Amino acid sequence: MSRVGKAPITIPSGVTIIINEGIVTVKGPKGQLEQPIDSDITVSQEDGVLSVVRPTDQKRHKALHGLYRALINNMVTGVTTGYTLQQELVGVGYRATNTGNTLDLVLGFSHHYVFELPKEIKVSTTAEKGKNPTIILESIDKQLIGQVAAKIRSLRTPEPYKGKGIKFVGEILRRKAGKSASKK
């Protein structure tokens, strides 16, 4: 039984949802998103509440039921409030700067990483004295912002001994003790 799929989606004021031939379009104050829906799944809207219905209890239909409900809910949240991810660079000499949608990273290698971001994502960087440099990503598309953040993190994943690398703000890293001194 899909508990996620059964939950109704309340539509906030200022958001319009158009269901047309297997494509759900969500328009809101921050923008517009589209999602193609499988032909077996039915999406219906009435009285400011959107519901996703599956035809049978097949395993495939159960999986798609919860998936499409979650995707549509993420779209509604994205066009109303948007999504923000923050990453910090931990390491001596690590820097991040941006010009428009181009991110320039110095991560301790012999070269810079110049990362061109999609136009749907807004990027900003901060570098305060005494604090780690921070990359702030903002978008209405949850899937896209997560994918871009994962790609940025993969350039220098945090290592377990000193914690150096690119990590999400508030992320707790599992640390290792390292070598212990020789016993006499």
N, C-alpha and C. Protein backbone atom coordinates (compact mmCIF):
# COMPACT_ATOMS: atom_id res chain seq x y z
N MET A 1 0.85 -1.17 0.00
CA MET A 1 0.00 0.00 0.00
C MET A 1 0.90 1.24 0.00
N SER A 2 0.71 2.13 -0.96
CA SER A 2 1.52 3.33 -1.08
C SER A 2 0.93 4.43 -0.20
N ARG A 3 1.62 4.75 0.87
CA ARG A 3 1.15 5.83 1.73
C ARG A 3 1.47 7.18 1.11
N VAL A 4 2.59 7.24 0.39
CA VAL A 4 2.98 8.50 -0.25
C VAL A 4 1.99 8.85 -1.34
N GLY A 5 1.63 7.89 -2.17
CA GLY A 5 0.73 8.15 -3.29
C GLY A 5 -0.67 8.53 -2.88
N LYS A 6 -1.13 8.04 -1.74
CA LYS A 6 -2.50 8.32 -1.30
C LYS A 6 -2.67 9.71 -0.72
N ALA A 7 -1.58 10.33 -0.28
CA ALA A 7 -1.67 11.65 0.34
C ALA A 7 -2.06 12.69 -0.71
N PRO A 8 -3.07 13.51 -0.42
CA PRO A 8 -3.46 14.54 -1.40
C PRO A 8 -2.48 15.70 -1.38
N ILE A 9 -2.41 16.41 -2.49
CA ILE A 9 -1.53 17.58 -2.61
C ILE A 9 -2.43 18.82 -2.55
N THR A 10 -2.24 19.66 -1.54
CA THR A 10 -3.02 20.89 -1.46
C THR A 10 -2.34 21.94 -2.34
N ILE A 11 -3.11 22.60 -3.14
CA ILE A 11 -2.59 23.58 -4.08
C ILE A 11 -2.67 24.96 -3.43
N PRO A 12 -1.53 25.63 -3.20
CA PRO A 12 -1.56 26.96 -2.59
C PRO A 12 -2.15 28.00 -3.55
N SER A 13 -2.53 29.13 -3.00
CA SER A 13 -3.07 30.19 -3.86
C SER A 13 -1.95 30.75 -4.72
N GLY A 14 -2.27 31.08 -5.95
CA GLY A 14 -1.27 31.60 -6.88
C GLY A 14 -0.63 30.52 -7.73
N VAL A 15 -1.00 29.27 -7.51
CA VAL A 15 -0.46 28.15 -8.29
C VAL A 15 -1.57 27.57 -9.15
N THR A 16 -1.29 27.39 -10.45
CA THR A 16 -2.24 26.75 -11.34
C THR A 16 -1.62 25.49 -11.90
N ILE A 17 -2.42 24.44 -11.96
CA ILE A 17 -1.97 23.15 -12.47
C ILE A 17 -2.81 22.80 -13.69
N ILE A 18 -2.12 22.50 -14.79
CA ILE A 18 -2.78 22.12 -16.03
C ILE A 18 -2.42 20.67 -16.34
N ILE A 19 -3.43 19.82 -16.49
CA ILE A 19 -3.23 18.40 -16.82
C ILE A 19 -3.68 18.22 -18.26
N ASN A 20 -2.73 17.88 -19.16
CA ASN A 20 -3.05 17.82 -20.58
C ASN A 20 -2.28 16.70 -21.25
N GLU A 21 -2.98 15.64 -21.67
CA GLU A 21 -2.42 14.55 -22.45
C GLU A 21 -1.13 13.96 -21.85
N GLY A 22 -1.17 13.60 -20.60
CA GLY A 22 -0.03 12.95 -19.98
C GLY A 22 1.07 13.89 -19.52
N ILE A 23 0.84 15.19 -19.54
CA ILE A 23 1.83 16.16 -19.07
C ILE A 23 1.17 17.05 -18.03
N VAL A 24 1.81 17.14 -16.86
CA VAL A 24 1.31 18.01 -15.80
C VAL A 24 2.19 19.26 -15.79
N THR A 25 1.57 20.42 -15.93
CA THR A 25 2.28 21.70 -15.92
C THR A 25 1.87 22.47 -14.67
N VAL A 26 2.87 22.90 -13.90
CA VAL A 26 2.63 23.65 -12.67
C VAL A 26 3.20 25.05 -12.86
N LYS A 27 2.33 26.07 -12.72
CA LYS A 27 2.75 27.48 -12.83
C LYS A 27 2.57 28.14 -11.49
N GLY A 28 3.57 28.93 -11.09
CA GLY A 28 3.50 29.62 -9.82
C GLY A 28 4.23 30.94 -9.88
N PRO A 29 4.37 31.60 -8.74
CA PRO A 29 5.02 32.91 -8.72
C PRO A 29 6.51 32.86 -9.10
N LYS A 30 7.18 31.74 -8.88
CA LYS A 30 8.61 31.65 -9.19
C LYS A 30 8.90 31.08 -10.57
N GLY A 31 7.91 30.51 -11.25
CA GLY A 31 8.18 29.97 -12.58
C GLY A 31 7.21 28.86 -12.95
N GLN A 32 7.63 28.06 -13.94
CA GLN A 32 6.79 26.99 -14.47
C GLN A 32 7.61 25.73 -14.64
N LEU A 33 7.02 24.58 -14.28
CA LEU A 33 7.67 23.27 -14.43
C LEU A 33 6.70 22.30 -15.11
N GLU A 34 7.25 21.36 -15.87
CA GLU A 34 6.45 20.33 -16.53
C GLU A 34 6.97 18.95 -16.17
N GLN A 35 6.04 17.97 -16.13
CA GLN A 35 6.41 16.60 -15.84
C GLN A 35 5.53 15.65 -16.66
N PRO A 36 6.13 14.83 -17.53
CA PRO A 36 5.32 13.82 -18.21
C PRO A 36 4.90 12.72 -17.24
N ILE A 37 3.67 12.26 -17.38
CA ILE A 37 3.10 11.25 -16.48
C ILE A 37 2.80 10.00 -17.30
N ASP A 38 3.03 8.83 -16.70
CA ASP A 38 2.72 7.55 -17.35
C ASP A 38 1.23 7.49 -17.67
N SER A 39 0.90 6.84 -18.78
CA SER A 39 -0.50 6.80 -19.22
C SER A 39 -1.40 6.01 -18.28
N ASP A 40 -0.84 5.12 -17.46
CA ASP A 40 -1.66 4.33 -16.54
C ASP A 40 -2.11 5.13 -15.31
N ILE A 41 -1.35 6.13 -14.92
CA ILE A 41 -1.63 6.90 -13.72
C ILE A 41 -2.59 8.05 -14.06
N THR A 42 -3.58 8.26 -13.20
CA THR A 42 -4.58 9.31 -13.39
C THR A 42 -4.35 10.42 -12.37
N VAL A 43 -4.27 11.64 -12.86
CA VAL A 43 -4.12 12.81 -11.99
C VAL A 43 -5.39 13.64 -12.11
N SER A 44 -6.02 13.94 -10.98
CA SER A 44 -7.26 14.72 -11.00
C SER A 44 -7.18 15.86 -10.00
N GLN A 45 -7.86 16.95 -10.35
CA GLN A 45 -7.83 18.16 -9.52
C GLN A 45 -9.26 18.60 -9.23
N GLU A 46 -9.55 18.80 -7.94
CA GLU A 46 -10.87 19.31 -7.56
C GLU A 46 -10.80 20.01 -6.22
N ASP A 47 -11.40 21.17 -6.15
CA ASP A 47 -11.50 21.99 -4.92
C ASP A 47 -10.13 22.31 -4.32
N GLY A 48 -9.14 22.65 -5.12
CA GLY A 48 -7.82 23.03 -4.62
C GLY A 48 -6.99 21.88 -4.09
N VAL A 49 -7.40 20.65 -4.41
CA VAL A 49 -6.66 19.46 -3.97
C VAL A 49 -6.38 18.60 -5.20
N LEU A 50 -5.14 18.17 -5.32
CA LEU A 50 -4.73 17.33 -6.44
C LEU A 50 -4.53 15.91 -5.91
N SER A 51 -5.05 14.91 -6.63
CA SER A 51 -4.88 13.53 -6.20
C SER A 51 -4.35 12.69 -7.36
N VAL A 52 -3.53 11.71 -7.01
CA VAL A 52 -2.94 10.79 -7.99
C VAL A 52 -3.54 9.42 -7.71
N VAL A 53 -4.07 8.76 -8.76
CA VAL A 53 -4.77 7.48 -8.61
C VAL A 53 -4.13 6.46 -9.53
N ARG A 54 -3.96 5.22 -9.01
CA ARG A 54 -3.43 4.13 -9.82
C ARG A 54 -4.57 3.18 -10.19
N PRO A 55 -4.47 2.51 -11.35
CA PRO A 55 -5.57 1.64 -11.77
C PRO A 55 -5.64 0.30 -11.04
N THR A 56 -4.49 -0.32 -10.77
CA THR A 56 -4.47 -1.64 -10.13
C THR A 56 -3.44 -1.65 -9.01
N ASP A 57 -3.31 -2.81 -8.37
CA ASP A 57 -2.31 -2.98 -7.32
C ASP A 57 -1.08 -3.72 -7.82
N GLN A 58 -0.79 -3.63 -9.11
CA GLN A 58 0.44 -4.23 -9.63
C GLN A 58 1.64 -3.51 -9.02
N LYS A 59 2.74 -4.22 -8.96
CA LYS A 59 3.95 -3.65 -8.37
C LYS A 59 4.39 -2.39 -9.12
N ARG A 60 4.31 -2.42 -10.44
CA ARG A 60 4.72 -1.27 -11.26
C ARG A 60 3.82 -0.06 -10.98
N HIS A 61 2.51 -0.29 -10.89
CA HIS A 61 1.58 0.80 -10.63
C HIS A 61 1.77 1.38 -9.23
N LYS A 62 2.07 0.53 -8.26
CA LYS A 62 2.33 1.02 -6.91
C LYS A 62 3.56 1.91 -6.88
N ALA A 63 4.60 1.50 -7.61
CA ALA A 63 5.84 2.28 -7.64
C ALA A 63 5.62 3.63 -8.32
N LEU A 64 4.91 3.63 -9.43
CA LEU A 64 4.66 4.87 -10.16
C LEU A 64 3.72 5.80 -9.39
N HIS A 65 2.81 5.24 -8.61
CA HIS A 65 1.84 6.01 -7.84
C HIS A 65 2.55 6.97 -6.90
N GLY A 66 3.40 6.43 -6.06
CA GLY A 66 4.14 7.26 -5.10
C GLY A 66 5.14 8.18 -5.78
N LEU A 67 5.77 7.70 -6.85
CA LEU A 67 6.76 8.49 -7.57
C LEU A 67 6.15 9.77 -8.13
N TYR A 68 5.06 9.64 -8.88
CA TYR A 68 4.48 10.81 -9.52
C TYR A 68 3.85 11.76 -8.52
N ARG A 69 3.31 11.23 -7.44
CA ARG A 69 2.78 12.12 -6.40
C ARG A 69 3.90 12.95 -5.80
N ALA A 70 5.06 12.33 -5.52
CA ALA A 70 6.20 13.05 -4.95
C ALA A 70 6.77 14.07 -5.93
N LEU A 71 6.85 13.71 -7.22
CA LEU A 71 7.37 14.63 -8.22
C LEU A 71 6.48 15.86 -8.37
N ILE A 72 5.17 15.65 -8.39
CA ILE A 72 4.24 16.77 -8.52
C ILE A 72 4.29 17.65 -7.27
N ASN A 73 4.38 17.03 -6.09
CA ASN A 73 4.47 17.81 -4.85
C ASN A 73 5.76 18.64 -4.84
N ASN A 74 6.88 18.08 -5.32
CA ASN A 74 8.13 18.83 -5.39
C ASN A 74 8.01 20.00 -6.36
N MET A 75 7.26 19.81 -7.44
CA MET A 75 7.06 20.89 -8.40
C MET A 75 6.23 22.02 -7.78
N VAL A 76 5.19 21.67 -7.03
CA VAL A 76 4.35 22.68 -6.37
C VAL A 76 5.19 23.46 -5.35
N THR A 77 5.99 22.77 -4.57
CA THR A 77 6.85 23.43 -3.59
C THR A 77 7.88 24.31 -4.29
N GLY A 78 8.43 23.84 -5.40
CA GLY A 78 9.45 24.58 -6.13
C GLY A 78 8.94 25.89 -6.69
N VAL A 79 7.74 25.90 -7.28
CA VAL A 79 7.22 27.14 -7.88
C VAL A 79 6.68 28.11 -6.84
N THR A 80 6.45 27.65 -5.60
CA THR A 80 5.98 28.57 -4.56
C THR A 80 7.12 29.11 -3.72
N THR A 81 7.98 28.22 -3.18
CA THR A 81 9.06 28.68 -2.30
C THR A 81 10.44 28.50 -2.90
N GLY A 82 10.62 27.51 -3.77
CA GLY A 82 11.93 27.25 -4.35
C GLY A 82 12.79 26.40 -3.43
N TYR A 83 13.95 26.01 -3.94
CA TYR A 83 14.88 25.17 -3.18
C TYR A 83 16.24 25.86 -3.10
N THR A 84 16.89 25.72 -1.97
CA THR A 84 18.22 26.29 -1.75
C THR A 84 19.12 25.23 -1.16
N LEU A 85 20.31 25.07 -1.75
CA LEU A 85 21.33 24.16 -1.21
C LEU A 85 22.59 24.96 -0.96
N GLN A 86 23.22 24.70 0.18
CA GLN A 86 24.47 25.37 0.51
C GLN A 86 25.56 24.33 0.69
N GLN A 87 26.72 24.61 0.08
CA GLN A 87 27.88 23.74 0.20
C GLN A 87 29.05 24.57 0.70
N GLU A 88 29.88 23.97 1.55
CA GLU A 88 31.05 24.69 2.02
C GLU A 88 32.31 23.95 1.63
N LEU A 89 33.37 24.72 1.37
CA LEU A 89 34.66 24.18 0.97
C LEU A 89 35.56 24.17 2.19
N VAL A 90 35.95 22.97 2.63
CA VAL A 90 36.80 22.82 3.80
C VAL A 90 38.19 22.43 3.33
N GLY A 91 39.17 23.27 3.59
CA GLY A 91 40.54 22.99 3.19
C GLY A 91 41.33 24.27 3.04
N VAL A 92 42.62 24.19 3.27
CA VAL A 92 43.48 25.36 3.18
C VAL A 92 43.62 25.76 1.71
N GLY A 93 43.32 27.01 1.40
CA GLY A 93 43.46 27.53 0.05
C GLY A 93 42.30 27.21 -0.87
N TYR A 94 41.25 26.56 -0.38
CA TYR A 94 40.09 26.26 -1.21
C TYR A 94 39.28 27.56 -1.37
N ARG A 95 38.92 27.88 -2.62
CA ARG A 95 38.18 29.11 -2.89
C ARG A 95 37.08 28.84 -3.92
N ALA A 96 36.04 29.67 -3.87
CA ALA A 96 34.95 29.59 -4.85
C ALA A 96 34.56 31.02 -5.21
N THR A 97 34.50 31.28 -6.52
CA THR A 97 34.02 32.57 -7.01
C THR A 97 33.07 32.31 -8.17
N ASN A 98 32.19 33.27 -8.39
CA ASN A 98 31.26 33.11 -9.52
C ASN A 98 31.13 34.41 -10.28
N THR A 99 30.96 34.28 -11.59
CA THR A 99 30.61 35.40 -12.45
C THR A 99 29.41 34.94 -13.26
N GLY A 100 28.25 35.48 -12.94
CA GLY A 100 27.02 35.02 -13.58
C GLY A 100 26.72 33.59 -13.17
N ASN A 101 26.58 32.70 -14.14
CA ASN A 101 26.32 31.29 -13.86
C ASN A 101 27.55 30.42 -14.05
N THR A 102 28.73 31.02 -14.02
CA THR A 102 29.98 30.28 -14.12
C THR A 102 30.63 30.25 -12.75
N LEU A 103 30.92 29.05 -12.27
CA LEU A 103 31.51 28.85 -10.96
C LEU A 103 32.98 28.46 -11.13
N ASP A 104 33.88 29.19 -10.47
CA ASP A 104 35.32 28.94 -10.55
C ASP A 104 35.78 28.41 -9.19
N LEU A 105 36.28 27.18 -9.18
CA LEU A 105 36.68 26.53 -7.93
C LEU A 105 38.17 26.27 -7.89
N VAL A 106 38.81 26.60 -6.77
CA VAL A 106 40.21 26.27 -6.51
C VAL A 106 40.18 25.23 -5.39
N LEU A 107 40.56 23.99 -5.71
CA LEU A 107 40.39 22.88 -4.77
C LEU A 107 41.69 22.16 -4.45
N GLY A 108 42.81 22.86 -4.54
CA GLY A 108 44.08 22.25 -4.17
C GLY A 108 44.75 21.48 -5.29
N PHE A 109 44.21 21.52 -6.48
CA PHE A 109 44.84 20.87 -7.63
C PHE A 109 45.71 21.90 -8.35
N SER A 110 46.42 21.48 -9.37
CA SER A 110 47.27 22.39 -10.12
C SER A 110 46.48 23.29 -11.06
N HIS A 111 45.18 23.07 -11.17
CA HIS A 111 44.35 23.83 -12.08
C HIS A 111 43.03 24.21 -11.39
N HIS A 112 42.35 25.20 -11.97
CA HIS A 112 41.03 25.61 -11.48
C HIS A 112 39.97 24.73 -12.14
N TYR A 113 38.86 24.58 -11.48
CA TYR A 113 37.69 23.96 -12.09
C TYR A 113 36.72 25.08 -12.44
N VAL A 114 36.41 25.21 -13.72
CA VAL A 114 35.42 26.19 -14.16
C VAL A 114 34.17 25.39 -14.51
N PHE A 115 33.11 25.67 -13.78
CA PHE A 115 31.88 24.88 -13.85
C PHE A 115 30.76 25.77 -14.38
N GLU A 116 30.24 25.45 -15.55
CA GLU A 116 29.13 26.19 -16.15
C GLU A 116 27.81 25.58 -15.67
N LEU A 117 27.01 26.38 -14.99
CA LEU A 117 25.75 25.91 -14.42
C LEU A 117 24.59 26.14 -15.39
N PRO A 118 23.55 25.31 -15.33
CA PRO A 118 22.36 25.54 -16.17
C PRO A 118 21.71 26.88 -15.84
N LYS A 119 20.99 27.44 -16.81
CA LYS A 119 20.38 28.76 -16.63
C LYS A 119 19.25 28.75 -15.59
N GLU A 120 18.72 27.58 -15.26
CA GLU A 120 17.64 27.49 -14.27
C GLU A 120 18.13 27.63 -12.84
N ILE A 121 19.45 27.60 -12.65
CA ILE A 121 20.03 27.64 -11.30
C ILE A 121 20.74 28.97 -11.10
N LYS A 122 20.47 29.62 -9.96
CA LYS A 122 21.18 30.84 -9.57
C LYS A 122 22.25 30.44 -8.57
N VAL A 123 23.46 30.95 -8.76
CA VAL A 123 24.56 30.61 -7.87
C VAL A 123 25.13 31.89 -7.27
N SER A 124 25.53 31.80 -6.00
CA SER A 124 26.24 32.88 -5.34
C SER A 124 27.27 32.25 -4.41
N THR A 125 28.34 32.99 -4.16
CA THR A 125 29.40 32.49 -3.30
C THR A 125 29.69 33.52 -2.22
N THR A 126 30.09 33.03 -1.06
CA THR A 126 30.49 33.92 0.03
C THR A 126 31.83 33.45 0.57
N ALA A 127 32.65 34.41 0.95
CA ALA A 127 33.96 34.10 1.53
C ALA A 127 34.22 35.10 2.65
N GLU A 128 33.83 34.73 3.86
CA GLU A 128 34.04 35.60 5.02
C GLU A 128 35.31 35.18 5.73
N LYS A 129 35.99 36.13 6.31
CA LYS A 129 37.24 35.85 7.00
C LYS A 129 36.96 35.00 8.24
N GLY A 130 37.70 33.92 8.37
CA GLY A 130 37.54 33.02 9.51
C GLY A 130 36.51 31.93 9.29
N LYS A 131 35.83 31.95 8.15
CA LYS A 131 34.83 30.93 7.83
C LYS A 131 35.17 30.28 6.50
N ASN A 132 34.65 29.09 6.29
CA ASN A 132 34.88 28.39 5.04
C ASN A 132 34.11 29.06 3.90
N PRO A 133 34.67 29.06 2.68
CA PRO A 133 33.92 29.59 1.53
C PRO A 133 32.64 28.76 1.32
N THR A 134 31.57 29.43 0.92
CA THR A 134 30.27 28.78 0.76
C THR A 134 29.73 29.01 -0.64
N ILE A 135 29.14 27.95 -1.22
CA ILE A 135 28.46 28.03 -2.50
C ILE A 135 26.97 27.89 -2.21
N ILE A 136 26.15 28.83 -2.71
CA ILE A 136 24.71 28.82 -2.49
C ILE A 136 24.03 28.63 -3.84
N LEU A 137 23.27 27.54 -3.98
CA LEU A 137 22.54 27.24 -5.20
C LEU A 137 21.05 27.42 -4.95
N GLU A 138 20.35 28.10 -5.89
CA GLU A 138 18.91 28.31 -5.77
C GLU A 138 18.24 27.93 -7.08
N SER A 139 17.11 27.21 -6.98
CA SER A 139 16.36 26.80 -8.17
C SER A 139 14.95 26.41 -7.77
N ILE A 140 14.09 26.27 -8.79
CA ILE A 140 12.74 25.78 -8.52
C ILE A 140 12.64 24.28 -8.81
N ASP A 141 13.65 23.71 -9.46
CA ASP A 141 13.65 22.30 -9.84
C ASP A 141 14.51 21.51 -8.85
N LYS A 142 13.87 20.70 -8.02
CA LYS A 142 14.58 19.96 -6.98
C LYS A 142 15.54 18.93 -7.55
N GLN A 143 15.14 18.24 -8.60
CA GLN A 143 15.98 17.22 -9.22
C GLN A 143 17.23 17.85 -9.81
N LEU A 144 17.08 18.94 -10.51
CA LEU A 144 18.21 19.60 -11.17
C LEU A 144 19.20 20.17 -10.17
N ILE A 145 18.71 20.83 -9.12
CA ILE A 145 19.61 21.41 -8.13
C ILE A 145 20.37 20.32 -7.37
N GLY A 146 19.71 19.19 -7.11
CA GLY A 146 20.39 18.08 -6.44
C GLY A 146 21.46 17.46 -7.31
N GLN A 147 21.18 17.33 -8.59
CA GLN A 147 22.15 16.76 -9.52
C GLN A 147 23.37 17.66 -9.67
N VAL A 148 23.17 18.97 -9.77
CA VAL A 148 24.28 19.91 -9.91
C VAL A 148 25.11 19.94 -8.63
N ALA A 149 24.45 19.92 -7.47
CA ALA A 149 25.17 19.92 -6.20
C ALA A 149 26.00 18.66 -6.04
N ALA A 150 25.47 17.52 -6.48
CA ALA A 150 26.23 16.26 -6.41
C ALA A 150 27.44 16.30 -7.34
N LYS A 151 27.29 16.91 -8.50
CA LYS A 151 28.40 17.03 -9.45
C LYS A 151 29.50 17.93 -8.88
N ILE A 152 29.11 19.04 -8.25
CA ILE A 152 30.09 19.93 -7.63
C ILE A 152 30.81 19.20 -6.50
N ARG A 153 30.07 18.47 -5.69
CA ARG A 153 30.67 17.74 -4.56
C ARG A 153 31.63 16.67 -5.05
N SER A 154 31.33 16.05 -6.20
CA SER A 154 32.19 14.96 -6.70
C SER A 154 33.55 15.46 -7.16
N LEU A 155 33.71 16.77 -7.36
CA LEU A 155 35.02 17.30 -7.74
C LEU A 155 36.04 17.12 -6.62
N ARG A 156 35.59 17.19 -5.36
CA ARG A 156 36.47 16.96 -4.22
C ARG A 156 35.61 16.49 -3.05
N THR A 157 35.34 15.17 -2.99
CA THR A 157 34.52 14.64 -1.90
C THR A 157 35.27 14.72 -0.58
N PRO A 158 34.57 14.94 0.52
CA PRO A 158 35.25 15.06 1.81
C PRO A 158 35.95 13.75 2.19
N GLU A 159 37.21 13.88 2.63
CA GLU A 159 37.95 12.69 3.04
C GLU A 159 37.73 12.47 4.54
N PRO A 160 37.83 11.22 5.02
CA PRO A 160 37.42 10.90 6.39
C PRO A 160 38.42 11.26 7.49
N TYR A 161 39.64 11.66 7.16
CA TYR A 161 40.64 11.91 8.19
C TYR A 161 40.62 13.35 8.68
N LYS A 162 40.71 14.31 7.78
CA LYS A 162 40.69 15.72 8.17
C LYS A 162 39.38 16.41 7.78
N GLY A 163 38.57 15.76 6.94
CA GLY A 163 37.30 16.34 6.52
C GLY A 163 37.44 17.34 5.40
N LYS A 164 38.57 17.37 4.71
CA LYS A 164 38.78 18.32 3.63
C LYS A 164 37.97 17.93 2.40
N GLY A 165 37.40 18.92 1.74
CA GLY A 165 36.62 18.68 0.53
C GLY A 165 35.39 19.57 0.49
N ILE A 166 34.47 19.25 -0.41
CA ILE A 166 33.23 20.01 -0.55
C ILE A 166 32.12 19.22 0.14
N LYS A 167 31.48 19.86 1.14
CA LYS A 167 30.40 19.19 1.86
C LYS A 167 29.20 20.11 1.96
N PHE A 168 28.05 19.53 2.23
CA PHE A 168 26.84 20.31 2.43
C PHE A 168 26.88 20.96 3.81
N VAL A 169 26.31 22.15 3.93
CA VAL A 169 26.27 22.83 5.22
C VAL A 169 25.38 22.02 6.16
N GLY A 170 25.89 21.70 7.33
CA GLY A 170 25.15 20.91 8.30
C GLY A 170 25.37 19.41 8.17
N GLU A 171 26.11 18.97 7.15
CA GLU A 171 26.37 17.55 6.96
C GLU A 171 27.37 17.07 8.01
N ILE A 172 27.10 15.91 8.57
CA ILE A 172 27.99 15.32 9.56
C ILE A 172 28.80 14.24 8.88
N LEU A 173 30.12 14.41 8.91
CA LEU A 173 31.01 13.45 8.26
C LEU A 173 31.48 12.41 9.27
N ARG A 174 31.60 11.19 8.81
CA ARG A 174 32.12 10.13 9.66
C ARG A 174 33.63 10.20 9.61
N ARG A 175 34.27 10.44 10.75
CA ARG A 175 35.70 10.66 10.80
C ARG A 175 36.42 9.41 11.28
N LYS A 176 37.65 9.23 10.79
CA LYS A 176 38.51 8.13 11.22
C LYS A 176 39.61 8.65 12.09
N ALA A 177 40.18 7.79 12.92
CA ALA A 177 41.19 8.22 13.88
C ALA A 177 42.56 8.42 13.23
N GLY A 178 42.89 7.66 12.23
CA GLY A 178 44.22 7.77 11.62
C GLY A 178 45.21 6.88 12.34
N LYS A 179 46.48 7.10 12.04
CA LYS A 179 47.52 6.27 12.65
C LYS A 179 47.70 6.65 14.12
N SER A 180 47.94 5.66 14.94
CA SER A 180 48.26 5.95 16.34
C SER A 180 49.77 5.85 16.50
N ALA A 181 50.29 6.51 17.52
CA ALA A 181 51.73 6.52 17.74
C ALA A 181 52.22 5.10 18.09
N SER A 182 53.48 4.84 17.80
CA SER A 182 54.02 3.51 18.09
C SER A 182 54.10 3.29 19.58
N LYS A 183 53.82 2.06 19.99
CA LYS A 183 53.81 1.71 21.42
C LYS A 183 55.19 1.21 21.81
N LYS A 184 55.68 1.70 22.94
CA LYS A 184 57.03 1.30 23.42
C LYS A 184 56.94 0.26 24.49
